[in-house]
């Protein structure tokens, strides 16, 4: 089975990439599709849009070494690299 991949890219900031991805992912999920939205932006605005304040604080706890994970550390178990 081929999985569709949608990618949104623009070097310029403020053109609506994050908003577009957030609303499209929400709409597709609400329509019954399984959706994975990958936020590779260091500002993590897409991540923040999907989570509530308590979840964000748990992820970005400066006193917790485990919260300092990079995208590679999150993906590594999936790729067995």
N, C-alpha and C. Protein backbone atom coordinates (compact mmCIF):
# COMPACT_ATOMS: atom_id res chain seq x y z
N UNK A 1 0.83 -1.18 0.00
CA UNK A 1 0.00 0.00 0.00
C UNK A 1 0.88 1.25 0.00
N UNK A 2 0.61 2.16 -0.89
CA UNK A 2 1.34 3.42 -0.95
C UNK A 2 0.64 4.44 -0.06
N UNK A 3 1.42 5.07 0.78
CA UNK A 3 0.88 6.08 1.69
C UNK A 3 1.10 7.46 1.08
N UNK A 4 0.04 8.25 0.96
CA UNK A 4 0.20 9.60 0.42
C UNK A 4 1.01 10.48 1.37
N UNK A 5 1.88 11.28 0.82
CA UNK A 5 2.69 12.21 1.61
C UNK A 5 2.44 13.62 1.08
N UNK A 6 2.05 14.51 1.96
CA UNK A 6 1.88 15.92 1.60
C UNK A 6 2.98 16.71 2.28
N UNK A 7 3.64 17.58 1.53
CA UNK A 7 4.71 18.40 2.07
C UNK A 7 4.43 19.85 1.75
N UNK A 8 4.59 20.70 2.75
CA UNK A 8 4.40 22.14 2.56
C UNK A 8 5.72 22.83 2.86
N UNK A 9 6.22 23.59 1.89
CA UNK A 9 7.52 24.24 2.05
C UNK A 9 7.49 25.62 1.42
N UNK A 10 8.09 26.55 2.10
CA UNK A 10 8.33 27.88 1.57
C UNK A 10 9.39 28.51 2.45
N UNK A 11 10.43 29.07 1.86
CA UNK A 11 11.50 29.68 2.65
C UNK A 11 11.04 30.91 3.42
N UNK A 12 10.04 31.58 2.89
CA UNK A 12 9.57 32.81 3.52
C UNK A 12 8.69 32.47 4.72
N UNK A 13 8.88 33.21 5.78
CA UNK A 13 8.05 33.03 6.96
C UNK A 13 6.75 33.81 6.83
N UNK A 14 5.77 33.41 7.61
CA UNK A 14 4.52 34.15 7.67
C UNK A 14 3.60 33.97 6.49
N UNK A 15 3.76 32.88 5.75
CA UNK A 15 2.90 32.67 4.58
C UNK A 15 1.76 31.68 4.87
N UNK A 16 1.69 31.18 6.08
CA UNK A 16 0.58 30.31 6.47
C UNK A 16 0.83 28.83 6.41
N UNK A 17 2.09 28.41 6.34
CA UNK A 17 2.40 26.97 6.25
C UNK A 17 1.87 26.21 7.47
N UNK A 18 2.19 26.70 8.64
CA UNK A 18 1.79 26.01 9.87
C UNK A 18 0.28 25.97 10.00
N UNK A 19 -0.38 27.08 9.76
CA UNK A 19 -1.85 27.12 9.85
C UNK A 19 -2.48 26.16 8.85
N UNK A 20 -1.96 26.14 7.64
CA UNK A 20 -2.49 25.26 6.61
C UNK A 20 -2.34 23.80 7.01
N UNK A 21 -1.15 23.42 7.47
CA UNK A 21 -0.91 22.03 7.88
C UNK A 21 -1.79 21.65 9.06
N UNK A 22 -1.88 22.54 10.05
CA UNK A 22 -2.70 22.25 11.24
C UNK A 22 -4.16 21.99 10.85
N UNK A 23 -4.74 22.88 10.07
CA UNK A 23 -6.15 22.74 9.72
C UNK A 23 -6.40 21.58 8.77
N UNK A 24 -5.48 21.34 7.85
CA UNK A 24 -5.62 20.20 6.94
C UNK A 24 -5.51 18.88 7.70
N UNK A 25 -4.54 18.79 8.60
CA UNK A 25 -4.37 17.57 9.41
C UNK A 25 -5.61 17.32 10.27
N UNK A 26 -6.11 18.38 10.88
CA UNK A 26 -7.31 18.24 11.72
C UNK A 26 -8.51 17.78 10.88
N UNK A 27 -8.67 18.39 9.70
CA UNK A 27 -9.79 18.05 8.83
C UNK A 27 -9.71 16.60 8.36
N UNK A 28 -8.52 16.17 7.93
CA UNK A 28 -8.35 14.80 7.47
C UNK A 28 -8.59 13.80 8.61
N UNK A 29 -8.06 14.11 9.79
CA UNK A 29 -8.27 13.24 10.94
C UNK A 29 -9.75 13.17 11.30
N UNK A 30 -10.41 14.30 11.29
CA UNK A 30 -11.84 14.35 11.59
C UNK A 30 -12.67 13.59 10.55
N UNK A 31 -12.12 13.44 9.35
CA UNK A 31 -12.79 12.70 8.28
C UNK A 31 -12.48 11.21 8.32
N UNK A 32 -11.71 10.77 9.32
CA UNK A 32 -11.44 9.35 9.49
C UNK A 32 -10.09 8.88 8.99
N UNK A 33 -9.28 9.78 8.45
CA UNK A 33 -7.95 9.40 7.97
C UNK A 33 -6.98 9.36 9.14
N UNK A 34 -5.99 8.49 9.03
CA UNK A 34 -4.89 8.48 10.00
C UNK A 34 -3.86 9.49 9.52
N UNK A 35 -3.48 10.40 10.40
CA UNK A 35 -2.63 11.53 10.02
C UNK A 35 -1.41 11.60 10.93
N UNK A 36 -0.26 11.82 10.33
CA UNK A 36 0.96 12.11 11.07
C UNK A 36 1.45 13.47 10.62
N UNK A 37 1.46 14.44 11.51
CA UNK A 37 1.96 15.78 11.21
C UNK A 37 3.32 15.93 11.87
N UNK A 38 4.36 16.08 11.08
CA UNK A 38 5.73 16.20 11.59
C UNK A 38 6.13 17.67 11.64
N UNK A 39 6.47 18.13 12.82
CA UNK A 39 6.86 19.52 13.03
C UNK A 39 8.39 19.57 13.15
N UNK A 40 9.05 19.97 12.08
CA UNK A 40 10.52 20.04 12.08
C UNK A 40 11.02 21.45 12.33
N UNK A 41 10.14 22.38 12.58
CA UNK A 41 10.50 23.76 12.84
C UNK A 41 10.97 23.90 14.29
N UNK A 42 12.15 24.48 14.52
CA UNK A 42 12.65 24.64 15.89
C UNK A 42 11.70 25.43 16.80
N UNK A 43 10.86 26.28 16.24
CA UNK A 43 9.91 27.04 17.06
C UNK A 43 8.75 26.17 17.54
N UNK A 44 8.52 25.06 16.89
CA UNK A 44 7.51 24.06 17.29
C UNK A 44 6.09 24.63 17.39
N UNK A 45 5.74 25.55 16.54
CA UNK A 45 4.39 26.13 16.59
C UNK A 45 3.31 25.12 16.23
N UNK A 46 3.59 24.22 15.30
CA UNK A 46 2.60 23.20 14.94
C UNK A 46 2.36 22.27 16.13
N UNK A 47 3.43 21.87 16.78
CA UNK A 47 3.31 21.03 17.97
C UNK A 47 2.47 21.73 19.03
N UNK A 48 2.76 23.00 19.27
CA UNK A 48 2.03 23.77 20.28
C UNK A 48 0.55 23.90 19.92
N UNK A 49 0.23 23.95 18.64
CA UNK A 49 -1.16 24.09 18.23
C UNK A 49 -1.97 22.83 18.56
N UNK A 50 -1.33 21.67 18.52
CA UNK A 50 -2.04 20.41 18.77
C UNK A 50 -2.16 20.06 20.25
N UNK A 51 -1.34 20.65 21.10
CA UNK A 51 -1.30 20.26 22.51
C UNK A 51 -1.88 21.34 23.41
N UNK A 52 -2.41 20.91 24.57
CA UNK A 52 -2.87 21.91 25.53
C UNK A 52 -1.69 22.33 26.42
N UNK A 53 -1.92 23.32 27.27
CA UNK A 53 -0.85 23.91 28.08
C UNK A 53 -0.15 22.89 28.97
N UNK A 54 -0.90 21.99 29.60
CA UNK A 54 -0.30 20.98 30.48
C UNK A 54 0.62 20.04 29.71
N UNK A 55 0.20 19.63 28.52
CA UNK A 55 1.03 18.74 27.71
C UNK A 55 2.31 19.45 27.27
N UNK A 56 2.20 20.72 26.91
CA UNK A 56 3.38 21.48 26.51
C UNK A 56 4.38 21.61 27.65
N UNK A 57 3.89 21.90 28.84
CA UNK A 57 4.78 22.04 29.99
C UNK A 57 5.49 20.72 30.29
N UNK A 58 4.80 19.61 30.12
CA UNK A 58 5.41 18.31 30.36
C UNK A 58 6.52 18.03 29.35
N UNK A 59 6.29 18.39 28.09
CA UNK A 59 7.28 18.16 27.04
C UNK A 59 8.48 19.08 27.20
N UNK A 60 8.23 20.34 27.51
CA UNK A 60 9.30 21.34 27.55
C UNK A 60 9.74 21.67 28.96
N UNK A 61 9.77 20.67 29.83
CA UNK A 61 10.23 20.86 31.20
C UNK A 61 11.75 20.98 31.18
N UNK A 62 12.26 22.18 31.47
CA UNK A 62 13.71 22.43 31.41
C UNK A 62 14.48 21.62 32.45
N UNK A 63 13.82 21.21 33.54
CA UNK A 63 14.49 20.44 34.58
C UNK A 63 14.54 18.94 34.27
N UNK A 64 13.85 18.53 33.23
CA UNK A 64 13.79 17.12 32.86
C UNK A 64 14.67 16.88 31.63
N UNK A 65 15.74 16.12 31.80
CA UNK A 65 16.68 15.87 30.70
C UNK A 65 16.00 15.16 29.53
N UNK A 66 15.02 14.32 29.81
CA UNK A 66 14.33 13.58 28.75
C UNK A 66 13.53 14.50 27.84
N UNK A 67 13.17 15.68 28.31
CA UNK A 67 12.38 16.59 27.47
C UNK A 67 13.23 17.29 26.43
N UNK A 68 14.53 17.13 26.48
CA UNK A 68 15.43 17.79 25.53
C UNK A 68 15.68 16.92 24.30
N UNK A 69 14.78 16.02 23.99
CA UNK A 69 14.96 15.13 22.85
C UNK A 69 14.91 15.91 21.54
N UNK A 70 15.71 15.46 20.60
CA UNK A 70 15.68 16.03 19.26
C UNK A 70 14.81 15.14 18.39
N UNK A 71 14.54 15.60 17.19
CA UNK A 71 13.73 14.80 16.27
C UNK A 71 14.42 13.47 15.97
N UNK A 72 15.75 13.47 15.90
CA UNK A 72 16.48 12.23 15.64
C UNK A 72 16.27 11.24 16.78
N UNK A 73 16.31 11.70 18.01
CA UNK A 73 16.11 10.80 19.15
C UNK A 73 14.70 10.21 19.16
N UNK A 74 13.75 10.94 18.63
CA UNK A 74 12.37 10.44 18.57
C UNK A 74 12.18 9.44 17.44
N UNK A 75 12.88 9.65 16.33
CA UNK A 75 12.72 8.80 15.15
C UNK A 75 13.60 7.56 15.22
N UNK A 76 14.71 7.64 15.90
CA UNK A 76 15.67 6.53 15.94
C UNK A 76 15.04 5.19 16.29
N UNK A 77 14.18 5.08 17.32
CA UNK A 77 13.58 3.77 17.61
C UNK A 77 12.75 3.21 16.45
N UNK A 78 12.21 4.07 15.63
CA UNK A 78 11.40 3.62 14.51
C UNK A 78 12.24 3.11 13.35
N UNK A 79 13.45 3.64 13.22
CA UNK A 79 14.31 3.29 12.09
C UNK A 79 15.37 2.26 12.45
N UNK A 80 15.53 2.00 13.73
CA UNK A 80 16.55 1.08 14.23
C UNK A 80 17.95 1.48 13.81
N UNK A 81 18.21 2.80 13.75
CA UNK A 81 19.54 3.31 13.37
C UNK A 81 20.39 3.45 14.60
